[in-house]
Amino acid sequence: MRKRAEWMTRADDEILEYLESQGAGTPKAIADEMDRNNDYIGVRCRKLASYGLVEKPSRGFYVITDTGTEYLDGEFDASDLEQSDR
């Protein structure tokens, strides 16, 4: 069972699931797949990156981290994460 942090939304799980299955993605590609607003997905991707669940190896491109995968697998409590200034 996944242990979501207070700051997380249902969309965050969907974003992480997308990145795990696809390997990487842009907010636009994720938004199109999820039928969500591109700007909203971009905000959520930046939030996930600030907590280390995803990384941004290049502009507008996100990949899931090991921590993100552990969270999806129910092996990590996201409420233990601290936000960075990145």
PDB file of N, CA and C in Angstrom:
ATOM      1  N   MET A   1       0.835  -1.185   0.000  1.00  0.00           N
ATOM      2  CA  MET A   1       0.000   0.000   0.000  1.00  0.00           C
ATOM      3  C   MET A   1       0.883   1.253   0.000  1.00  0.00           C
ATOM      4  N   ARG A   2       0.549   2.177  -0.870  1.00  0.00           N
ATOM      5  CA  ARG A   2       1.319   3.415  -0.985  1.00  0.00           C
ATOM      6  C   ARG A   2       1.040   4.342   0.191  1.00  0.00           C
ATOM      7  N   LYS A   3       2.104   5.003   0.632  1.00  0.00           N
ATOM      8  CA  LYS A   3       1.996   5.946   1.744  1.00  0.00           C
ATOM      9  C   LYS A   3       2.230   7.343   1.206  1.00  0.00           C
ATOM     10  N   ARG A   4       1.138   8.020   0.884  1.00  0.00           N
ATOM     11  CA  ARG A   4       1.170   9.349   0.286  1.00  0.00           C
ATOM     12  C   ARG A   4       1.444  10.419   1.343  1.00  0.00           C
ATOM     13  N   ALA A   5       2.149  11.466   0.935  1.00  0.00           N
ATOM     14  CA  ALA A   5       2.367  12.621   1.802  1.00  0.00           C
ATOM     15  C   ALA A   5       1.170  13.557   1.695  1.00  0.00           C
ATOM     16  N   GLU A   6       1.015  14.449   2.683  1.00  0.00           N
ATOM     17  CA  GLU A   6      -0.092  15.391   2.703  1.00  0.00           C
ATOM     18  C   GLU A   6      -0.134  16.280   1.464  1.00  0.00           C
ATOM     19  N   TRP A   7       1.026  16.641   0.957  1.00  0.00           N
ATOM     20  CA  TRP A   7       1.116  17.565  -0.180  1.00  0.00           C
ATOM     21  C   TRP A   7       0.792  16.894  -1.517  1.00  0.00           C
ATOM     22  N   MET A   8       0.697  15.585  -1.541  1.00  0.00           N
ATOM     23  CA  MET A   8       0.495  14.851  -2.789  1.00  0.00           C
ATOM     24  C   MET A   8      -0.975  14.821  -3.214  1.00  0.00           C
ATOM     25  N   THR A   9      -1.166  14.735  -4.523  1.00  0.00           N
ATOM     26  CA  THR A   9      -2.503  14.617  -5.095  1.00  0.00           C
ATOM     27  C   THR A   9      -2.607  13.268  -5.822  1.00  0.00           C
ATOM     28  N   ARG A  10      -3.815  12.917  -6.202  1.00  0.00           N
ATOM     29  CA  ARG A  10      -4.020  11.679  -6.965  1.00  0.00           C
ATOM     30  C   ARG A  10      -3.272  11.741  -8.292  1.00  0.00           C
ATOM     31  N   ALA A  11      -3.192  12.940  -8.870  1.00  0.00           N
ATOM     32  CA  ALA A  11      -2.480  13.117 -10.137  1.00  0.00           C
ATOM     33  C   ALA A  11      -1.003  12.760  -9.997  1.00  0.00           C
ATOM     34  N   ASP A  12      -0.429  12.984  -8.817  1.00  0.00           N
ATOM     35  CA  ASP A  12       0.984  12.657  -8.608  1.00  0.00           C
ATOM     36  C   ASP A  12       1.230  11.160  -8.806  1.00  0.00           C
ATOM     37  N   ASP A  13       0.347  10.342  -8.275  1.00  0.00           N
ATOM     38  CA  ASP A  13       0.479   8.894  -8.477  1.00  0.00           C
ATOM     39  C   ASP A  13       0.388   8.554  -9.966  1.00  0.00           C
ATOM     40  N   GLU A  14      -0.543   9.194 -10.653  1.00  0.00           N
ATOM     41  CA  GLU A  14      -0.705   8.926 -12.086  1.00  0.00           C
ATOM     42  C   GLU A  14       0.533   9.358 -12.872  1.00  0.00           C
ATOM     43  N   ILE A  15       1.120  10.487 -12.507  1.00  0.00           N
ATOM     44  CA  ILE A  15       2.346  10.950 -13.163  1.00  0.00           C
ATOM     45  C   ILE A  15       3.471   9.945 -12.940  1.00  0.00           C
ATOM     46  N   LEU A  16       3.643   9.511 -11.702  1.00  0.00           N
ATOM     47  CA  LEU A  16       4.706   8.545 -11.388  1.00  0.00           C
ATOM     48  C   LEU A  16       4.475   7.220 -12.123  1.00  0.00           C
ATOM     49  N   GLU A  17       3.239   6.776 -12.171  1.00  0.00           N
ATOM     50  CA  GLU A  17       2.922   5.538 -12.893  1.00  0.00           C
ATOM     51  C   GLU A  17       3.238   5.681 -14.378  1.00  0.00           C
ATOM     52  N   TYR A  18       2.908   6.825 -14.954  1.00  0.00           N
ATOM     53  CA  TYR A  18       3.217   7.077 -16.362  1.00  0.00           C
ATOM     54  C   TYR A  18       4.722   7.023 -16.589  1.00  0.00           C
ATOM     55  N   LEU A  19       5.481   7.725 -15.755  1.00  0.00           N
ATOM     56  CA  LEU A  19       6.933   7.763 -15.937  1.00  0.00           C
ATOM     57  C   LEU A  19       7.567   6.393 -15.723  1.00  0.00           C
ATOM     58  N   GLU A  20       7.019   5.621 -14.802  1.00  0.00           N
ATOM     59  CA  GLU A  20       7.550   4.271 -14.590  1.00  0.00           C
ATOM     60  C   GLU A  20       7.299   3.401 -15.817  1.00  0.00           C
ATOM     61  N   SER A  21       6.127   3.508 -16.401  1.00  0.00           N
ATOM     62  CA  SER A  21       5.801   2.647 -17.545  1.00  0.00           C
ATOM     63  C   SER A  21       6.461   3.123 -18.834  1.00  0.00           C
ATOM     64  N   GLN A  22       6.603   4.429 -19.006  1.00  0.00           N
ATOM     65  CA  GLN A  22       7.152   4.969 -20.256  1.00  0.00           C
ATOM     66  C   GLN A  22       8.653   5.253 -20.190  1.00  0.00           C
ATOM     67  N   GLY A  23       9.213   5.292 -18.994  1.00  0.00           N
ATOM     68  CA  GLY A  23      10.642   5.572 -18.840  1.00  0.00           C
ATOM     69  C   GLY A  23      10.938   7.044 -18.674  1.00  0.00           C
ATOM     70  N   ALA A  24      10.177   7.910 -19.325  1.00  0.00           N
ATOM     71  CA  ALA A  24      10.379   9.354 -19.242  1.00  0.00           C
ATOM     72  C   ALA A  24       9.208  10.041 -19.929  1.00  0.00           C
ATOM     73  N   GLY A  25       9.131  11.361 -19.752  1.00  0.00           N
ATOM     74  CA  GLY A  25       8.077  12.088 -20.434  1.00  0.00           C
ATOM     75  C   GLY A  25       8.105  13.568 -20.155  1.00  0.00           C
ATOM     76  N   THR A  26       7.411  14.301 -20.986  1.00  0.00           N
ATOM     77  CA  THR A  26       7.235  15.732 -20.812  1.00  0.00           C
ATOM     78  C   THR A  26       5.876  15.969 -20.162  1.00  0.00           C
ATOM     79  N   PRO A  27       5.681  17.108 -19.516  1.00  0.00           N
ATOM     80  CA  PRO A  27       4.363  17.384 -18.958  1.00  0.00           C
ATOM     81  C   PRO A  27       3.255  17.308 -20.014  1.00  0.00           C
ATOM     82  N   LYS A  28       3.535  17.749 -21.231  1.00  0.00           N
ATOM     83  CA  LYS A  28       2.523  17.691 -22.290  1.00  0.00           C
ATOM     84  C   LYS A  28       2.146  16.249 -22.613  1.00  0.00           C
ATOM     85  N   ALA A  29       3.143  15.386 -22.770  1.00  0.00           N
ATOM     86  CA  ALA A  29       2.861  13.980 -23.077  1.00  0.00           C
ATOM     87  C   ALA A  29       2.079  13.321 -21.945  1.00  0.00           C
ATOM     88  N   ILE A  30       2.468  13.633 -20.710  1.00  0.00           N
ATOM     89  CA  ILE A  30       1.774  13.068 -19.547  1.00  0.00           C
ATOM     90  C   ILE A  30       0.337  13.592 -19.495  1.00  0.00           C
ATOM     91  N   ALA A  31       0.179  14.905 -19.686  1.00  0.00           N
ATOM     92  CA  ALA A  31      -1.151  15.521 -19.648  1.00  0.00           C
ATOM     93  C   ALA A  31      -2.056  14.941 -20.728  1.00  0.00           C
ATOM     94  N   ASP A  32      -1.515  14.744 -21.919  1.00  0.00           N
ATOM     95  CA  ASP A  32      -2.310  14.167 -23.007  1.00  0.00           C
ATOM     96  C   ASP A  32      -2.783  12.765 -22.652  1.00  0.00           C
ATOM     97  N   GLU A  33      -1.911  11.972 -22.066  1.00  0.00           N
ATOM     98  CA  GLU A  33      -2.245  10.596 -21.693  1.00  0.00           C
ATOM     99  C   GLU A  33      -3.295  10.564 -20.573  1.00  0.00           C
ATOM    100  N   MET A  34      -3.173  11.508 -19.642  1.00  0.00           N
ATOM    101  CA  MET A  34      -4.050  11.530 -18.478  1.00  0.00           C
ATOM    102  C   MET A  34      -5.316  12.356 -18.720  1.00  0.00           C
ATOM    103  N   ASP A  35      -5.390  13.036 -19.860  1.00  0.00           N
ATOM    104  CA  ASP A  35      -6.501  13.934 -20.163  1.00  0.00           C
ATOM    105  C   ASP A  35      -6.624  15.010 -19.083  1.00  0.00           C
ATOM    106  N   ARG A  36      -5.483  15.623 -18.780  1.00  0.00           N
ATOM    107  CA  ARG A  36      -5.404  16.691 -17.783  1.00  0.00           C
ATOM    108  C   ARG A  36      -4.802  17.941 -18.418  1.00  0.00           C
ATOM    109  N   ASN A  37      -4.825  19.043 -17.683  1.00  0.00           N
ATOM    110  CA  ASN A  37      -4.261  20.305 -18.140  1.00  0.00           C
ATOM    111  C   ASN A  37      -2.732  20.252 -18.108  1.00  0.00           C
ATOM    112  N   ASN A  38      -2.101  20.654 -19.203  1.00  0.00           N
ATOM    113  CA  ASN A  38      -0.648  20.625 -19.331  1.00  0.00           C
ATOM    114  C   ASN A  38       0.039  21.460 -18.247  1.00  0.00           C
ATOM    115  N   ASP A  39      -0.479  22.658 -17.975  1.00  0.00           N
ATOM    116  CA  ASP A  39       0.137  23.516 -16.953  1.00  0.00           C
ATOM    117  C   ASP A  39       0.071  22.876 -15.577  1.00  0.00           C
ATOM    118  N   TYR A  40      -1.057  22.270 -15.253  1.00  0.00           N
ATOM    119  CA  TYR A  40      -1.215  21.605 -13.962  1.00  0.00           C
ATOM    120  C   TYR A  40      -0.208  20.460 -13.817  1.00  0.00           C
ATOM    121  N   ILE A  41      -0.062  19.668 -14.856  1.00  0.00           N
ATOM    122  CA  ILE A  41       0.891  18.550 -14.807  1.00  0.00           C
ATOM    123  C   ILE A  41       2.318  19.081 -14.658  1.00  0.00           C
ATOM    124  N   GLY A  42       2.636  20.176 -15.316  1.00  0.00           N
ATOM    125  CA  GLY A  42       3.955  20.787 -15.151  1.00  0.00           C
ATOM    126  C   GLY A  42       4.216  21.212 -13.715  1.00  0.00           C
ATOM    127  N   VAL A  43       3.218  21.807 -13.086  1.00  0.00           N
ATOM    128  CA  VAL A  43       3.337  22.211 -11.674  1.00  0.00           C
ATOM    129  C   VAL A  43       3.572  20.986 -10.800  1.00  0.00           C
ATOM    130  N   ARG A  44       2.798  19.937 -11.039  1.00  0.00           N
ATOM    131  CA  ARG A  44       2.941  18.722 -10.227  1.00  0.00           C
ATOM    132  C   ARG A  44       4.291  18.049 -10.464  1.00  0.00           C
ATOM    133  N   CYS A  45       4.781  18.040 -11.708  1.00  0.00           N
ATOM    134  CA  CYS A  45       6.103  17.456 -11.988  1.00  0.00           C
ATOM    135  C   CYS A  45       7.191  18.221 -11.245  1.00  0.00           C
ATOM    136  N   ARG A  46       7.102  19.547 -11.234  1.00  0.00           N
ATOM    137  CA  ARG A  46       8.094  20.348 -10.503  1.00  0.00           C
ATOM    138  C   ARG A  46       8.028  20.058  -9.002  1.00  0.00           C
ATOM    139  N   LYS A  47       6.817  19.877  -8.490  1.00  0.00           N
ATOM    140  CA  LYS A  47       6.644  19.557  -7.069  1.00  0.00           C
ATOM    141  C   LYS A  47       7.261  18.187  -6.765  1.00  0.00           C
ATOM    142  N   LEU A  48       6.974  17.195  -7.607  1.00  0.00           N
ATOM    143  CA  LEU A  48       7.556  15.859  -7.417  1.00  0.00           C
ATOM    144  C   LEU A  48       9.082  15.912  -7.484  1.00  0.00           C
ATOM    145  N   ALA A  49       9.610  16.739  -8.375  1.00  0.00           N
ATOM    146  CA  ALA A  49      11.071  16.888  -8.486  1.00  0.00           C
ATOM    147  C   ALA A  49      11.652  17.523  -7.228  1.00  0.00           C
ATOM    148  N   SER A  50      10.939  18.485  -6.656  1.00  0.00           N
ATOM    149  CA  SER A  50      11.446  19.153  -5.458  1.00  0.00           C
ATOM    150  C   SER A  50      11.520  18.208  -4.263  1.00  0.00           C
ATOM    151  N   TYR A  51      10.768  17.126  -4.310  1.00  0.00           N
ATOM    152  CA  TYR A  51      10.809  16.116  -3.249  1.00  0.00           C
ATOM    153  C   TYR A  51      11.621  14.881  -3.647  1.00  0.00           C
ATOM    154  N   GLY A  52      12.216  14.887  -4.829  1.00  0.00           N
ATOM    155  CA  GLY A  52      13.094  13.801  -5.235  1.00  0.00           C
ATOM    156  C   GLY A  52      12.414  12.563  -5.779  1.00  0.00           C
ATOM    157  N   LEU A  53      11.127  12.645  -6.114  1.00  0.00           N
ATOM    158  CA  LEU A  53      10.436  11.484  -6.672  1.00  0.00           C
ATOM    159  C   LEU A  53      10.637  11.369  -8.182  1.00  0.00           C
ATOM    160  N   VAL A  54      10.940  12.495  -8.818  1.00  0.00           N
ATOM    161  CA  VAL A  54      11.306  12.508 -10.234  1.00  0.00           C
ATOM    162  C   VAL A  54      12.529  13.412 -10.395  1.00  0.00           C
ATOM    163  N   GLU A  55      13.215  13.255 -11.513  1.00  0.00           N
ATOM    164  CA  GLU A  55      14.351  14.108 -11.862  1.00  0.00           C
ATOM    165  C   GLU A  55      14.056  14.771 -13.191  1.00  0.00           C
ATOM    166  N   LYS A  56      14.725  15.881 -13.421  1.00  0.00           N
ATOM    167  CA  LYS A  56      14.579  16.620 -14.671  1.00  0.00           C
ATOM    168  C   LYS A  56      15.963  16.675 -15.341  1.00  0.00           C
ATOM    169  N   PRO A  57      16.313  15.623 -16.121  1.00  0.00           N
ATOM    170  CA  PRO A  57      17.647  15.574 -16.721  1.00  0.00           C
ATOM    171  C   PRO A  57      17.863  16.634 -17.806  1.00  0.00           C
ATOM    172  N   SER A  58      16.791  17.109 -18.414  1.00  0.00           N
ATOM    173  CA  SER A  58      16.892  18.196 -19.387  1.00  0.00           C
ATOM    174  C   SER A  58      15.599  19.006 -19.348  1.00  0.00           C
ATOM    175  N   ARG A  59      15.626  20.152 -19.970  1.00  0.00           N
ATOM    176  CA  ARG A  59      14.494  21.083 -19.901  1.00  0.00           C
ATOM    177  C   ARG A  59      13.184  20.419 -20.362  1.00  0.00           C
ATOM    178  N   GLY A  60      12.196  20.438 -19.448  1.00  0.00           N
ATOM    179  CA  GLY A  60      10.877  19.938 -19.785  1.00  0.00           C
ATOM    180  C   GLY A  60      10.749  18.433 -19.908  1.00  0.00           C
ATOM    181  N   PHE A  61      11.716  17.707 -19.402  1.00  0.00           N
ATOM    182  CA  PHE A  61      11.764  16.246 -19.556  1.00  0.00           C
ATOM    183  C   PHE A  61      11.961  15.638 -18.175  1.00  0.00           C
ATOM    184  N   TYR A  62      11.108  14.699 -17.793  1.00  0.00           N
ATOM    185  CA  TYR A  62      11.166  14.102 -16.450  1.00  0.00           C
ATOM    186  C   TYR A  62      11.321  12.587 -16.509  1.00  0.00           C
ATOM    187  N   VAL A  63      12.037  12.053 -15.503  1.00  0.00           N
ATOM    188  CA  VAL A  63      12.178  10.603 -15.308  1.00  0.00           C
ATOM    189  C   VAL A  63      11.914  10.304 -13.837  1.00  0.00           C
ATOM    190  N   ILE A  64      11.429   9.126 -13.567  1.00  0.00           N
ATOM    191  CA  ILE A  64      11.177   8.717 -12.183  1.00  0.00           C
ATOM    192  C   ILE A  64      12.498   8.318 -11.527  1.00  0.00           C
ATOM    193  N   THR A  65      12.628   8.611 -10.243  1.00  0.00           N
ATOM    194  CA  THR A  65      13.829   8.233  -9.492  1.00  0.00           C
ATOM    195  C   THR A  65      13.604   6.883  -8.810  1.00  0.00           C
ATOM    196  N   ASP A  66      14.667   6.350  -8.233  1.00  0.00           N
ATOM    197  CA  ASP A  66      14.534   5.112  -7.458  1.00  0.00           C
ATOM    198  C   ASP A  66      13.558   5.311  -6.293  1.00  0.00           C
ATOM    199  N   THR A  67      13.613   6.482  -5.676  1.00  0.00           N
ATOM    200  CA  THR A  67      12.690   6.780  -4.581  1.00  0.00           C
ATOM    201  C   THR A  67      11.249   6.783  -5.078  1.00  0.00           C
ATOM    202  N   GLY A  68      11.041   7.350  -6.259  1.00  0.00           N
ATOM    203  CA  GLY A  68       9.703   7.353  -6.851  1.00  0.00           C
ATOM    204  C   GLY A  68       9.192   5.939  -7.103  1.00  0.00           C
ATOM    205  N   THR A  69      10.070   5.085  -7.593  1.00  0.00           N
ATOM    206  CA  THR A  69       9.695   3.681  -7.832  1.00  0.00           C
ATOM    207  C   THR A  69       9.400   2.969  -6.520  1.00  0.00           C
ATOM    208  N   GLU A  70      10.220   3.215  -5.500  1.00  0.00           N
ATOM    209  CA  GLU A  70       9.985   2.607  -4.188  1.00  0.00           C
ATOM    210  C   GLU A  70       8.637   3.061  -3.618  1.00  0.00           C
ATOM    211  N   TYR A  71       8.307   4.331  -3.819  1.00  0.00           N
ATOM    212  CA  TYR A  71       7.002   4.832  -3.363  1.00  0.00           C
ATOM    213  C   TYR A  71       5.872   4.071  -4.064  1.00  0.00           C
ATOM    214  N   LEU A  72       5.967   3.942  -5.396  1.00  0.00           N
ATOM    215  CA  LEU A  72       4.919   3.239  -6.143  1.00  0.00           C
ATOM    216  C   LEU A  72       4.775   1.794  -5.680  1.00  0.00           C
ATOM    217  N   ASP A  73       5.893   1.175  -5.314  1.00  0.00           N
ATOM    218  CA  ASP A  73       5.874  -0.215  -4.866  1.00  0.00           C
ATOM    219  C   ASP A  73       5.424  -0.365  -3.414  1.00  0.00           C
ATOM    220  N   GLY A  74       5.132   0.766  -2.741  1.00  0.00           N
ATOM    221  CA  GLY A  74       4.694   0.725  -1.345  1.00  0.00           C
ATOM    222  C   GLY A  74       5.826   0.504  -0.369  1.00  0.00           C
ATOM    223  N   GLU A  75       7.058   0.713  -0.822  1.00  0.00           N
ATOM    224  CA  GLU A  75       8.234   0.471   0.017  1.00  0.00           C
ATOM    225  C   GLU A  75       8.770   1.750   0.663  1.00  0.00           C
ATOM    226  N   PHE A  76       8.116   2.868   0.410  1.00  0.00           N
ATOM    227  CA  PHE A  76       8.636   4.143   0.903  1.00  0.00           C
ATOM    228  C   PHE A  76       7.473   5.049   1.290  1.00  0.00           C
ATOM    229  N   ASP A  77       7.578   5.668   2.458  1.00  0.00           N
ATOM    230  CA  ASP A  77       6.568   6.604   2.945  1.00  0.00           C
ATOM    231  C   ASP A  77       6.938   8.007   2.456  1.00  0.00           C
ATOM    232  N   ALA A  78       6.155   8.538   1.532  1.00  0.00           N
ATOM    233  CA  ALA A  78       6.460   9.844   0.942  1.00  0.00           C
ATOM    234  C   ALA A  78       6.424  10.972   1.964  1.00  0.00           C
ATOM    235  N   SER A  79       5.750  10.786   3.084  1.00  0.00           N
ATOM    236  CA  SER A  79       5.717  11.837   4.101  1.00  0.00           C
ATOM    237  C   SER A  79       7.072  12.007   4.782  1.00  0.00           C
ATOM    238  N   ASP A  80       7.989  11.064   4.562  1.00  0.00           N
ATOM    239  CA  ASP A  80       9.344  11.186   5.113  1.00  0.00           C
ATOM    240  C   ASP A  80      10.239  12.094   4.274  1.00  0.00           C
ATOM    241  N   LEU A  81       9.795  12.468   3.091  1.00  0.00           N
ATOM    242  CA  LEU A  81      10.604  13.294   2.189  1.00  0.00           C
ATOM    243  C   LEU A  81      10.609  14.749   2.635  1.00  0.00           C
ATOM    244  N   GLU A  82      11.739  15.416   2.370  1.00  0.00           N
ATOM    245  CA  GLU A  82      11.841  16.845   2.644  1.00  0.00           C
ATOM    246  C   GLU A  82      12.031  17.568   1.320  1.00  0.00           C
ATOM    247  N   GLN A  83      11.396  18.712   1.196  1.00  0.00           N
ATOM    248  CA  GLN A  83      11.458  19.488  -0.038  1.00  0.00           C
ATOM    249  C   GLN A  83      12.813  20.187  -0.141  1.00  0.00           C
ATOM    250  N   SER A  84      13.379  20.141  -1.345  1.00  0.00           N
ATOM    251  CA  SER A  84      14.626  20.856  -1.608  1.00  0.00           C
ATOM    252  C   SER A  84      14.311  22.150  -2.329  1.00  0.00           C
ATOM    253  N   ASP A  85      15.286  23.028  -2.425  1.00  0.00           N
ATOM    254  CA  ASP A  85      15.103  24.328  -3.085  1.00  0.00           C
ATOM    255  C   ASP A  85      15.315  24.273  -4.582  1.00  0.00           C
ATOM    256  N   ARG A  86      15.567  23.093  -5.134  1.00  0.00           N
ATOM    257  CA  ARG A  86      15.875  22.998  -6.563  1.00  0.00           C
ATOM    258  C   ARG A  86      14.750  23.489  -7.412  1.00  0.00           C
TER     259      ARG A  86
END
